[in-house]
Amino acid sequence: MNKKVIIIGGEGNGGVIAACIEDNRRRFGDLEWEVAGFVNDYETQVCGYPVLGGTDDVGTVSYTHLRAHETEA
């Protein structure tokens, strides 16, 4: 089972994190981590990933996403 990552930020440092995860998946077949989306106050999409909520929503986004991921297993 892969672990979902929610990145807090934008295209700068957050984009680097997403790119590293995707690079590991493509080049090395490392499927342990998967970018679920971003938490960002200003955008609706970051680096092609959805924005799941703003910084005020971090607890709700994390809980909701974790529960959805647990029911998939």
C-alpha atoms as a PDB file:
ATOM      1  CA  MET A   1       0.000   0.000   0.000  1.00  0.00           C
ATOM      2  CA  ASN A   2       1.358   3.424  -0.880  1.00  0.00           C
ATOM      3  CA  LYS A   3       1.403   6.356   1.524  1.00  0.00           C
ATOM      4  CA  LYS A   4      -0.394   9.531   0.503  1.00  0.00           C
ATOM      5  CA  VAL A   5       1.471  12.829   0.899  1.00  0.00           C
ATOM      6  CA  ILE A   6      -0.270  16.181   1.346  1.00  0.00           C
ATOM      7  CA  ILE A   7       2.187  18.995   0.672  1.00  0.00           C
ATOM      8  CA  ILE A   8       1.724  22.334   2.419  1.00  0.00           C
ATOM      9  CA  GLY A   9       2.974  25.056   0.098  1.00  0.00           C
ATOM     10  CA  GLY A  10       3.124  26.035  -3.525  1.00  0.00           C
ATOM     11  CA  GLU A  11       5.127  25.503  -6.679  1.00  0.00           C
ATOM     12  CA  GLY A  12       8.457  26.548  -5.118  1.00  0.00           C
ATOM     13  CA  ASN A  13       9.587  24.129  -2.427  1.00  0.00           C
ATOM     14  CA  GLY A  14       6.340  22.149  -2.616  1.00  0.00           C
ATOM     15  CA  GLY A  15       6.904  21.600  -6.323  1.00  0.00           C
ATOM     16  CA  VAL A  16      10.386  20.262  -5.602  1.00  0.00           C
ATOM     17  CA  ILE A  17       8.965  17.763  -3.112  1.00  0.00           C
ATOM     18  CA  ALA A  18       6.310  16.624  -5.592  1.00  0.00           C
ATOM     19  CA  ALA A  19       8.910  16.330  -8.362  1.00  0.00           C
ATOM     20  CA  CYS A  20      11.197  14.199  -6.166  1.00  0.00           C
ATOM     21  CA  ILE A  21       8.350  11.838  -5.283  1.00  0.00           C
ATOM     22  CA  GLU A  22       7.288  11.526  -8.917  1.00  0.00           C
ATOM     23  CA  ASP A  23      10.901  11.038 -10.046  1.00  0.00           C
ATOM     24  CA  ASN A  24      11.363   8.192  -7.576  1.00  0.00           C
ATOM     25  CA  ARG A  25       8.140   6.581  -8.788  1.00  0.00           C
ATOM     26  CA  ARG A  26       9.121   6.817 -12.482  1.00  0.00           C
ATOM     27  CA  ARG A  27      12.852   6.135 -12.407  1.00  0.00           C
ATOM     28  CA  PHE A  28      13.121   3.653  -9.576  1.00  0.00           C
ATOM     29  CA  GLY A  29       9.657   2.147  -9.337  1.00  0.00           C
ATOM     30  CA  ASP A  30       9.427   3.377  -5.732  1.00  0.00           C
ATOM     31  CA  LEU A  31       5.673   3.380  -5.213  1.00  0.00           C
ATOM     32  CA  GLU A  32       5.776   3.805  -1.431  1.00  0.00           C
ATOM     33  CA  TRP A  33       4.810   7.497  -1.616  1.00  0.00           C
ATOM     34  CA  GLU A  34       2.141   9.240  -3.713  1.00  0.00           C
ATOM     35  CA  VAL A  35       1.276  12.945  -3.866  1.00  0.00           C
ATOM     36  CA  ALA A  36      -2.391  13.356  -2.966  1.00  0.00           C
ATOM     37  CA  GLY A  37      -2.456  17.118  -3.353  1.00  0.00           C
ATOM     38  CA  PHE A  38      -1.486  20.420  -1.822  1.00  0.00           C
ATOM     39  CA  VAL A  39      -2.675  22.717   0.940  1.00  0.00           C
ATOM     40  CA  ASN A  40      -2.451  26.274  -0.376  1.00  0.00           C
ATOM     41  CA  ASP A  41      -4.284  29.512   0.363  1.00  0.00           C
ATOM     42  CA  TYR A  42      -4.001  31.087  -3.084  1.00  0.00           C
ATOM     43  CA  GLU A  43      -4.259  28.486  -5.846  1.00  0.00           C
ATOM     44  CA  THR A  44      -6.764  25.824  -6.916  1.00  0.00           C
ATOM     45  CA  GLN A  45      -4.105  23.616  -8.503  1.00  0.00           C
ATOM     46  CA  VAL A  46      -0.337  23.330  -7.920  1.00  0.00           C
ATOM     47  CA  CYS A  47       1.987  21.485 -10.320  1.00  0.00           C
ATOM     48  CA  GLY A  48      -0.984  19.634 -11.770  1.00  0.00           C
ATOM     49  CA  TYR A  49      -2.200  18.416  -8.364  1.00  0.00           C
ATOM     50  CA  PRO A  50      -5.422  19.556  -6.703  1.00  0.00           C
ATOM     51  CA  VAL A  51      -5.424  21.966  -3.790  1.00  0.00           C
ATOM     52  CA  LEU A  52      -7.323  20.116  -1.078  1.00  0.00           C
ATOM     53  CA  GLY A  53      -7.856  23.177   1.098  1.00  0.00           C
ATOM     54  CA  GLY A  54      -6.212  26.177   2.678  1.00  0.00           C
ATOM     55  CA  THR A  55      -3.935  26.375   5.701  1.00  0.00           C
ATOM     56  CA  ASP A  56      -6.960  26.898   7.952  1.00  0.00           C
ATOM     57  CA  ASP A  57      -8.226  23.508   6.732  1.00  0.00           C
ATOM     58  CA  VAL A  58      -5.089  21.452   7.447  1.00  0.00           C
ATOM     59  CA  GLY A  59      -6.683  19.368  10.217  1.00  0.00           C
ATOM     60  CA  THR A  60      -9.848  18.696   8.252  1.00  0.00           C
ATOM     61  CA  VAL A  61      -8.016  17.944   5.008  1.00  0.00           C
ATOM     62  CA  SER A  62      -5.608  15.584   6.748  1.00  0.00           C
ATOM     63  CA  TYR A  63      -8.349  13.758   8.657  1.00  0.00           C
ATOM     64  CA  THR A  64     -10.684  13.493   5.667  1.00  0.00           C
ATOM     65  CA  HIS A  65      -7.925  12.285   3.379  1.00  0.00           C
ATOM     66  CA  LEU A  66      -6.591   9.800   5.941  1.00  0.00           C
ATOM     67  CA  ARG A  67     -10.061   8.308   6.460  1.00  0.00           C
ATOM     68  CA  ALA A  68     -10.603   7.961   2.705  1.00  0.00           C
ATOM     69  CA  HIS A  69      -7.224   6.274   2.348  1.00  0.00           C
ATOM     70  CA  GLU A  70      -7.971   3.821   5.179  1.00  0.00           C
ATOM     71  CA  THR A  71     -11.240   2.726   3.580  1.00  0.00           C
ATOM     72  CA  GLU A  72      -9.430   1.980   0.295  1.00  0.00           C
ATOM     73  CA  ALA A  73      -7.228  -0.624   2.026  1.00  0.00           C
END
